[in-house]
Structure formats: C-alpha cells, structure tokens
Amino acid sequence: MNRIGFGLAIALTLAGSALADQVVAVAHDRVGKSPKQATVGIKGVGGIGKGNATTTFKFHPEATEKTPFEKSFPFGFRIGAESVDHIYSIGHEEKHGTSGTSHFDIIYQLTGEFEDELEDIVYNLVEAEAGVTAKIRPGESENQTVSIDASLNDPFAFSNTHLDATFGFIPGGMDTSFTLLAGTVFPAVFARSLSEFGALSAGTSLQFRQRLMPGVVTDPDAFWAAGAEGAIDLWTLAFRSDDDHNVTADLTFGENTTDFLLDYRNHLGQSFDPSDALSMALLLDFLASEFQHGSVGSDVNNAFGVGFTPLGELSEFTLGDSTVVVLTTTEVPTPEPATWLLTAGAGLWMIRNRRRRFLR
C-alpha cells in the first residue's frame, strides 16, 4: 500500500503541474478607416498590398520567423483573411527544453457599398481585425528567462496613379478608430521571482499602433522602420499588468505635420485635445478598466479615434496598423530530489487521510 500510495502521489503531482505548464498572452483588436466626406468612397484599384507576421523567440538559441502575406481588393472583392503559425520546435532544439508558438489571424473587410458620382462601386468603411497569440511552455534552468515578441504589421497605400496602391486617393482625408476586442488577455499566472512558474510582468505587454506617411510604401519593413521619413504614429497604445493583474494603459498620439492635419476623438465620440492631462487621464482610466483580472470580456467599440486631412499638393499616402504581443517567462528550476520527496510525501498524507475518513 505504501508503494502504491507513494507512486500515486507522484503521479498526481505531475498531472497537476501539467495542467498549468504554459503561459499565454493574446492581443485582439479592430481598426476602422472611413472617408471624412460621406459622398467619397473607398475604391479598390487593384494594387497588391503586403504585410508580415514576425516572431522573435528569445530562447536558447534565439530564432526569428517571418511570414509575408499579400492582400488586395480588386473590383467586387470585399473580404480577405490570413492565418499564420510560427512554431519554435520546427527547426530548432531548445537547450533547456522550452517550447513556444505564435499564432496570427487577420481579416480585412470592406462594408457600406454604394455607387459614387462616376457610378463606380465604392465603400464607406474598411476594417482590419487582428489577433496575435503567444504561448511559452518553459523548460528547466536556473535563473533564466525566455520571451516571445510576436508582431503583425501591414500598410495600405492610397493613390490614383501608383500601380502598387491598394485603394484610390481620398483627398478629403479619413477618420480611423480603434476597437479593443474580447479575448485580449494577459497570462493567468505571474511569477514574483525567477524560481517561480509564470510570466514576468515587467517583460510582458500588449501593444497597438497606427502609422501614416506621405507617398506609397508597400514594404512593411520600410513602412515600420524607426525614423521612417515623414511618418506619424497616429497612436501608440500599450497595456501592462502587475503581478496581481492590475492593468495600466499608456497612450500617445501623433501631432500635425506639413503633410497632415490631425484631429482626435475619445471613447464618447467627442473631440478632445491629447495635450490636456485630464482628458488623457480619463481616457487611460477607461481603457484600463475594461480589463477584469487581466482579461477583456466584451468588445470595447471605438475606444478612441484619430482623423487626418492631407495638406498641400499631397496626392497619395500610406496607412498601416501594428499589433504586438511581448511575453516573457521564467524557465522553472529543476526541483531538487528532496523537493520531490516532500511533495510526494504530502500527496501520500492526503491519500492516507482520505482513506481513514472513508473507512470510519
């Protein structure tokens, strides 16, 4: 009986640890883009846009996977979808037994069909819905960390003359809006030290960004390059959580340039000034409050928005979105033999105690 109980205690301990052997973070959002002038529609002009899904596994050894994808809206085409997976174990052997994956979903959709003055079919809204999921199953080492940086990036070009443009130029400008979608979630467990299982809050974040620049730039890497000429980050939003799943939001907006005049709307649909500290504090509190124990339970539609109007002789621009998950976790130390004996002993005591109560 002692041997059976001892073995069962170990089995129960191992099974219990397998139920929570990975950390997961998900960023899920939708961005809408519509012309400021109701009579001017979004028209597909046949150019093929490009995007990419990129994952950097900061494991042992480090590896980067990048998958390009194409998107276009030729005449009569209103929706497109892409799904991408990156799996570290395919082509790599992790020194400490850590494994990890990233998954990307993106859906593009044109809605609100009507005929413009030239009797061409146009639309009043284009939406891009993005989902990025990062998962790590940590291996075993002493005081080591591993991380995943998973990003989904794309630009859309607007021009009447450039062959690579996806949509026609919209001279009156556009309004864009950000929606935080249900299913956005931080890891269920955070580690308070390198010897504990769980994600590290200091190295985990969910990030969203929208960028605008003059001209046609269809290469995602060039569009999202640091210091890209003429680029404005219309918004940069980052969520972070502490070890107790208290979430905070950090949001910055772009400013006017010689190429674009910007305007801003809050979660109430009202115009506001991002330089006003009180207005920004209210918006940040609203965004953070949508997380309950680190998770967004329902869609936060049109949480905020930015509009832009091209200035001067500008006749083409590129607009793109980025969704990023950064997930960091500990590699749990290998338990000492004495630790396993204590754990197994505790399991054996529980079994004996239940048996005694049953026999009474």
Protein backbone atom coordinates (compact mmCIF):
# COMPACT_ATOMS: atom_id res chain seq x y z
CA MET A 1 0.00 0.00 0.00
CA ASN A 2 2.82 2.37 0.83
CA ARG A 3 4.45 1.87 -2.57
CA ILE A 4 1.14 2.31 -4.39
CA GLY A 5 0.32 5.44 -2.42
CA PHE A 6 3.81 6.86 -2.98
CA GLY A 7 3.61 6.28 -6.72
CA LEU A 8 0.10 7.70 -6.96
CA ALA A 9 1.14 10.81 -5.07
CA ILE A 10 3.93 11.46 -7.55
CA ALA A 11 1.57 10.83 -10.49
CA LEU A 12 -0.99 13.27 -9.08
CA THR A 13 1.71 15.87 -8.55
CA LEU A 14 2.98 15.54 -12.11
CA ALA A 15 -0.55 15.62 -13.56
CA GLY A 16 -1.39 18.74 -11.60
CA SER A 17 1.71 20.55 -12.84
CA ALA A 18 0.84 19.62 -16.44
CA LEU A 19 -2.48 21.45 -16.18
CA ALA A 20 -0.69 24.80 -15.97
CA ASP A 21 2.58 24.28 -17.79
CA GLN A 22 2.45 27.22 -20.22
CA VAL A 23 1.89 30.98 -20.22
CA VAL A 24 -0.32 32.67 -22.80
CA ALA A 25 -0.99 36.28 -23.87
CA VAL A 26 -3.39 37.49 -26.59
CA ALA A 27 -3.87 40.88 -28.29
CA HIS A 28 -7.05 41.27 -30.35
CA ASP A 29 -8.18 44.50 -32.00
CA ARG A 30 -10.09 46.00 -34.90
CA VAL A 31 -9.24 49.23 -36.72
CA GLY A 32 -11.76 51.03 -38.90
CA LYS A 33 -10.95 53.54 -41.65
CA SER A 34 -13.59 55.69 -43.37
CA PRO A 35 -13.55 58.82 -45.57
CA LYS A 36 -14.38 62.08 -43.84
CA GLN A 37 -16.70 63.02 -46.71
CA ALA A 38 -19.73 60.73 -46.86
CA THR A 39 -20.05 61.04 -50.63
CA VAL A 40 -16.46 59.92 -51.24
CA GLY A 41 -15.97 56.17 -51.02
CA ILE A 42 -13.04 53.81 -50.68
CA LYS A 43 -12.30 52.29 -54.05
CA GLY A 44 -10.14 49.26 -54.70
CA VAL A 45 -7.71 49.97 -57.53
CA GLY A 46 -6.15 46.54 -57.81
CA GLY A 47 -2.71 47.02 -56.26
CA ILE A 48 -1.50 44.18 -54.03
CA GLY A 49 -0.61 45.28 -50.52
CA LYS A 50 1.90 43.46 -48.37
CA GLY A 51 2.06 42.59 -44.70
CA ASN A 52 4.13 40.34 -42.49
CA ALA A 53 3.87 38.28 -39.33
CA THR A 54 7.13 38.15 -37.39
CA THR A 55 8.10 36.23 -34.26
CA THR A 56 11.36 36.53 -32.37
CA PHE A 57 11.87 33.63 -29.98
CA LYS A 58 14.42 34.74 -27.39
CA PHE A 59 15.13 31.16 -26.40
CA HIS A 60 18.33 29.12 -26.27
CA PRO A 61 19.24 29.59 -29.08
CA GLU A 62 17.36 32.65 -30.33
CA ALA A 63 15.42 32.40 -33.60
CA THR A 64 13.25 34.65 -35.78
CA GLU A 65 10.46 33.56 -38.10
CA LYS A 66 8.87 35.92 -40.65
CA THR A 67 5.94 35.16 -42.92
CA PRO A 68 4.93 37.69 -45.60
CA PHE A 69 1.40 37.80 -46.92
CA GLU A 70 -0.42 39.71 -49.64
CA LYS A 71 -3.75 41.49 -49.67
CA SER A 72 -5.74 43.14 -52.42
CA PHE A 73 -9.24 44.44 -53.08
CA PRO A 74 -9.88 44.16 -56.80
CA PHE A 75 -13.28 45.06 -58.15
CA GLY A 76 -16.06 43.08 -56.47
CA PHE A 77 -13.78 41.69 -53.74
CA ARG A 78 -14.75 42.74 -50.22
CA ILE A 79 -13.11 40.45 -47.68
CA GLY A 80 -9.79 38.69 -47.18
CA ALA A 81 -8.25 36.65 -44.37
CA GLU A 82 -4.85 35.30 -43.38
CA SER A 83 -3.77 32.87 -40.66
CA VAL A 84 -0.13 32.21 -39.76
CA ASP A 85 1.58 29.95 -37.20
CA HIS A 86 5.18 30.02 -36.01
CA ILE A 87 6.40 27.01 -34.01
CA TYR A 88 9.85 27.14 -32.43
CA SER A 89 10.31 23.36 -32.25
CA ILE A 90 10.17 23.10 -36.05
CA GLY A 91 13.80 23.52 -37.00
CA HIS A 92 15.13 24.38 -33.54
CA GLU A 93 16.10 22.43 -30.43
CA GLU A 94 15.89 24.45 -27.24
CA LYS A 95 18.79 23.91 -24.84
CA HIS A 96 16.60 23.80 -21.72
CA GLY A 97 13.53 22.14 -23.19
CA THR A 98 11.49 25.32 -23.63
CA SER A 99 8.92 25.38 -26.44
CA GLY A 100 6.82 28.20 -27.83
CA THR A 101 4.39 29.18 -30.55
CA SER A 102 2.77 32.26 -32.01
CA HIS A 103 -0.47 32.47 -33.95
CA PHE A 104 -1.72 35.31 -36.14
CA ASP A 105 -5.19 35.97 -37.54
CA ILE A 106 -6.11 38.95 -39.68
CA ILE A 107 -9.33 39.76 -41.52
CA TYR A 108 -9.82 42.66 -43.95
CA GLN A 109 -13.32 43.71 -44.89
CA LEU A 110 -14.95 46.44 -46.95
CA THR A 111 -18.50 47.41 -45.98
CA GLY A 112 -21.11 50.02 -46.90
CA GLU A 113 -21.23 49.53 -50.67
CA PHE A 114 -22.60 52.34 -52.86
CA GLU A 115 -22.03 53.98 -56.25
CA ASP A 116 -20.04 57.19 -56.48
CA GLU A 117 -20.55 60.04 -58.93
CA LEU A 118 -18.75 58.07 -61.63
CA GLU A 119 -21.03 55.08 -60.96
CA ASP A 120 -18.09 53.06 -59.64
CA ILE A 121 -18.67 50.65 -56.73
CA VAL A 122 -17.08 52.12 -53.61
CA TYR A 123 -17.31 51.52 -49.85
CA ASN A 124 -17.61 53.73 -46.77
CA LEU A 125 -15.50 51.61 -44.41
CA VAL A 126 -12.52 49.28 -44.47
CA GLU A 127 -11.80 47.29 -41.32
CA ALA A 128 -8.77 45.29 -40.29
CA GLU A 129 -9.22 42.82 -37.42
CA ALA A 130 -6.01 41.39 -35.96
CA GLY A 131 -5.33 38.69 -33.39
CA VAL A 132 -1.89 37.78 -32.06
CA THR A 133 -1.35 34.92 -29.59
CA ALA A 134 1.94 33.97 -27.92
CA LYS A 135 2.45 30.80 -25.87
CA ILE A 136 5.51 29.56 -23.99
CA ARG A 137 5.94 26.21 -22.24
CA PRO A 138 9.09 26.86 -20.18
CA GLY A 139 11.84 24.33 -19.78
CA GLU A 140 14.12 23.98 -16.78
CA SER A 141 17.17 26.05 -15.87
CA GLU A 142 18.49 28.23 -13.07
CA ASN A 143 17.62 31.97 -13.11
CA GLN A 144 16.96 32.08 -16.85
CA THR A 145 14.20 33.86 -18.74
CA VAL A 146 12.76 33.36 -22.22
CA SER A 147 10.46 35.56 -24.29
CA ILE A 148 8.44 35.86 -27.48
CA ASP A 149 7.99 39.08 -29.45
CA ALA A 150 5.18 38.47 -31.96
CA SER A 151 4.11 41.28 -34.32
CA LEU A 152 1.58 41.63 -37.12
CA ASN A 153 2.30 44.63 -39.36
CA ASP A 154 0.75 45.95 -42.55
CA PRO A 155 0.32 49.11 -44.63
CA PHE A 156 -2.36 50.12 -47.12
CA ALA A 157 -1.45 52.59 -49.87
CA PHE A 158 -3.94 55.15 -51.24
CA SER A 159 -3.22 56.63 -54.68
CA ASN A 160 -4.96 57.14 -58.02
CA THR A 161 -1.81 56.78 -60.08
CA HIS A 162 0.61 54.40 -58.35
CA LEU A 163 0.35 50.81 -59.61
CA ASP A 164 1.08 49.36 -56.15
CA ALA A 165 -1.69 51.27 -54.36
CA THR A 166 -4.49 49.16 -52.88
CA PHE A 167 -7.06 51.97 -52.77
CA GLY A 168 -7.70 55.23 -54.57
CA PHE A 169 -6.57 58.52 -53.05
CA ILE A 170 -9.02 60.22 -50.65
CA PRO A 171 -8.29 63.97 -50.80
CA GLY A 172 -10.72 64.91 -48.02
CA GLY A 173 -8.94 62.68 -45.52
CA MET A 174 -10.07 59.84 -43.29
CA ASP A 175 -11.27 59.03 -39.79
CA THR A 176 -9.80 55.99 -38.08
CA SER A 177 -11.00 54.23 -34.95
CA PHE A 178 -9.60 51.64 -32.54
CA THR A 179 -11.65 48.84 -31.01
CA LEU A 180 -10.24 46.56 -28.31
CA LEU A 181 -11.79 43.13 -28.81
CA ALA A 182 -12.92 40.50 -26.33
CA GLY A 183 -10.37 37.76 -25.80
CA THR A 184 -7.48 40.15 -25.25
CA VAL A 185 -5.80 38.64 -22.21
CA PHE A 186 -2.69 38.70 -20.06
CA PRO A 187 -1.15 35.49 -18.67
CA ALA A 188 -3.17 33.82 -15.92
CA VAL A 189 -0.12 33.49 -13.65
CA PHE A 190 2.75 35.90 -12.99
CA ALA A 191 5.98 34.85 -11.31
CA ARG A 192 7.25 37.04 -8.49
CA SER A 193 10.75 35.58 -8.75
CA LEU A 194 12.86 33.62 -11.23
CA SER A 195 12.31 30.45 -9.18
CA GLU A 196 8.52 30.52 -9.70
CA PHE A 197 6.42 29.42 -12.65
CA GLY A 198 4.65 32.19 -14.51
CA ALA A 199 5.06 35.17 -16.81
CA LEU A 200 7.21 38.13 -15.78
CA SER A 201 5.05 41.24 -15.67
CA ALA A 202 7.97 43.58 -16.34
CA GLY A 203 8.62 41.87 -19.67
CA THR A 204 5.05 41.32 -20.85
CA SER A 205 2.92 43.82 -22.80
CA LEU A 206 0.20 44.16 -25.44
CA GLN A 207 0.87 46.90 -27.99
CA PHE A 208 -1.14 48.57 -30.76
CA ARG A 209 -0.03 51.25 -33.21
CA GLN A 210 -1.25 53.08 -36.30
CA ARG A 211 1.14 54.89 -38.66
CA LEU A 212 0.61 57.33 -41.52
CA MET A 213 3.09 58.66 -44.04
CA PRO A 214 3.06 60.50 -47.37
CA GLY A 215 3.71 58.57 -50.56
CA VAL A 216 3.26 54.89 -51.40
CA VAL A 217 5.28 52.50 -49.23
CA THR A 218 4.16 48.89 -49.66
CA ASP A 219 7.13 47.17 -47.98
CA PRO A 220 6.08 46.58 -44.33
CA ASP A 221 9.67 46.66 -43.07
CA ALA A 222 10.34 50.02 -44.72
CA PHE A 223 6.99 51.41 -43.57
CA TRP A 224 7.55 50.41 -39.94
CA ALA A 225 11.26 51.26 -39.83
CA ALA A 226 12.34 53.51 -36.99
CA GLY A 227 12.71 57.07 -38.19
CA ALA A 228 10.88 56.48 -41.47
CA GLU A 229 10.76 59.80 -43.33
CA GLY A 230 7.53 61.72 -42.90
CA ALA A 231 5.91 59.03 -40.72
CA ILE A 232 3.41 59.93 -37.99
CA ASP A 233 2.41 57.37 -35.39
CA LEU A 234 -1.23 58.42 -35.10
CA TRP A 235 -1.45 56.44 -31.89
CA THR A 236 0.71 54.11 -29.82
CA LEU A 237 -1.15 52.15 -27.15
CA ALA A 238 0.45 49.74 -24.69
CA PHE A 239 -1.15 47.72 -21.91
CA ARG A 240 0.83 46.29 -19.00
CA SER A 241 -0.15 44.32 -15.93
CA ASP A 242 1.35 43.94 -12.48
CA ASP A 243 1.66 40.60 -10.70
CA ASP A 244 -1.87 40.98 -9.30
CA HIS A 245 -3.47 41.59 -12.74
CA ASN A 246 -3.95 45.31 -12.25
CA VAL A 247 -3.72 46.63 -15.83
CA THR A 248 -2.49 50.09 -16.83
CA ALA A 249 -2.66 51.79 -20.23
CA ASP A 250 -0.10 54.07 -21.87
CA LEU A 251 -1.29 56.03 -24.91
CA THR A 252 0.43 58.67 -27.03
CA PHE A 253 -0.91 60.45 -30.11
CA GLY A 254 0.88 61.92 -33.11
CA GLU A 255 0.93 65.63 -33.97
CA ASN A 256 0.27 67.76 -37.06
CA THR A 257 2.90 67.92 -39.78
CA THR A 258 3.27 69.87 -43.00
CA ASP A 259 1.60 66.92 -44.78
CA PHE A 260 -1.33 66.14 -42.48
CA LEU A 261 -3.74 67.92 -40.14
CA LEU A 262 -4.93 65.66 -37.30
CA ASP A 263 -8.00 65.59 -35.06
CA TYR A 264 -8.84 63.33 -32.12
CA ARG A 265 -11.90 61.64 -30.57
CA ASN A 266 -12.30 59.95 -27.19
CA HIS A 267 -14.39 56.92 -26.16
CA LEU A 268 -17.51 59.10 -26.06
CA GLY A 269 -17.01 60.13 -29.69
CA GLN A 270 -16.16 63.68 -28.59
CA SER A 271 -13.31 65.79 -29.92
CA PHE A 272 -10.55 66.34 -27.39
CA ASP A 273 -7.03 67.68 -27.03
CA PRO A 274 -4.41 64.98 -26.21
CA SER A 275 -2.24 67.65 -24.55
CA ASP A 276 -4.95 68.11 -21.90
CA ALA A 277 -3.84 66.00 -18.95
CA LEU A 278 -7.32 65.50 -17.51
CA SER A 279 -8.79 64.34 -20.84
CA MET A 280 -5.97 61.85 -21.30
CA ALA A 281 -6.27 60.57 -17.73
CA LEU A 282 -9.98 59.87 -18.21
CA LEU A 283 -9.32 58.00 -21.45
CA LEU A 284 -6.49 55.94 -19.96
CA ASP A 285 -8.61 55.01 -16.93
CA PHE A 286 -11.43 53.95 -19.25
CA LEU A 287 -9.15 51.72 -21.32
CA ALA A 288 -7.53 50.06 -18.30
CA SER A 289 -10.90 49.48 -16.60
CA GLU A 290 -12.02 47.23 -19.45
CA PHE A 291 -9.67 44.52 -18.15
CA GLN A 292 -11.04 42.30 -15.40
CA HIS A 293 -8.38 40.10 -13.81
CA GLY A 294 -6.23 40.67 -16.88
CA SER A 295 -8.86 39.87 -19.49
CA VAL A 296 -11.23 41.82 -21.77
CA GLY A 297 -14.66 40.20 -21.61
CA SER A 298 -16.52 42.18 -24.28
CA ASP A 299 -15.66 44.37 -27.26
CA VAL A 300 -14.72 47.99 -26.48
CA ASN A 301 -16.04 49.56 -29.66
CA ASN A 302 -14.50 52.81 -30.93
CA ALA A 303 -12.42 53.31 -27.80
CA PHE A 304 -10.79 56.32 -29.46
CA GLY A 305 -10.00 57.62 -32.92
CA VAL A 306 -7.78 59.89 -34.97
CA GLY A 307 -8.70 61.72 -38.16
CA PHE A 308 -6.33 63.19 -40.72
CA THR A 309 -6.58 65.54 -43.69
CA PRO A 310 -3.89 65.66 -46.41
CA LEU A 311 -2.43 69.13 -46.95
CA GLY A 312 -0.99 70.99 -49.92
CA GLU A 313 -0.32 69.09 -53.12
CA LEU A 314 -0.20 65.66 -51.46
CA SER A 315 -1.82 63.07 -53.74
CA GLU A 316 -1.01 59.74 -52.09
CA PHE A 317 -0.44 58.33 -48.62
CA THR A 318 0.10 55.03 -46.81
CA LEU A 319 -1.72 53.97 -43.65
CA GLY A 320 -0.91 50.89 -41.58
CA ASP A 321 -1.61 49.04 -38.34
CA SER A 322 0.56 47.03 -35.97
CA THR A 323 -0.42 44.56 -33.22
CA VAL A 324 2.31 43.18 -30.94
CA VAL A 325 2.49 40.72 -28.05
CA VAL A 326 5.63 40.60 -25.90
CA LEU A 327 5.60 37.66 -23.49
CA THR A 328 8.37 36.87 -21.01
CA THR A 329 8.52 33.98 -18.56
CA THR A 330 10.87 32.13 -16.27
CA GLU A 331 12.44 28.80 -17.01
CA VAL A 332 11.41 26.96 -13.87
CA PRO A 333 14.36 25.46 -11.95
CA THR A 334 14.66 21.68 -11.84
CA PRO A 335 13.34 20.56 -8.41
CA GLU A 336 15.87 19.08 -6.03
CA PRO A 337 15.31 15.41 -5.09
CA ALA A 338 14.35 16.49 -1.58
CA THR A 339 11.64 18.73 -3.02
CA TRP A 340 10.10 15.84 -4.92
CA LEU A 341 10.17 13.67 -1.77
CA LEU A 342 8.43 16.38 0.26
CA THR A 343 5.80 16.87 -2.46
CA ALA A 344 5.21 13.16 -2.81
CA GLY A 345 5.06 12.79 0.97
CA ALA A 346 2.38 15.47 1.11
CA GLY A 347 0.40 13.65 -1.57
CA LEU A 348 0.72 10.35 0.34
CA TRP A 349 -0.53 12.02 3.54
CA MET A 350 -3.58 13.33 1.66
CA ILE A 351 -4.38 9.86 0.30
CA ARG A 352 -4.00 8.21 3.71
CA ASN A 353 -6.09 10.88 5.40
CA ARG A 354 -8.93 10.45 2.86
CA ARG A 355 -8.75 6.64 3.26
CA ARG A 356 -9.06 6.88 7.03
CA ARG A 357 -12.11 9.15 6.78
CA PHE A 358 -13.67 6.78 4.24
CA LEU A 359 -13.16 3.74 6.45
CA ARG A 360 -14.69 5.34 9.52
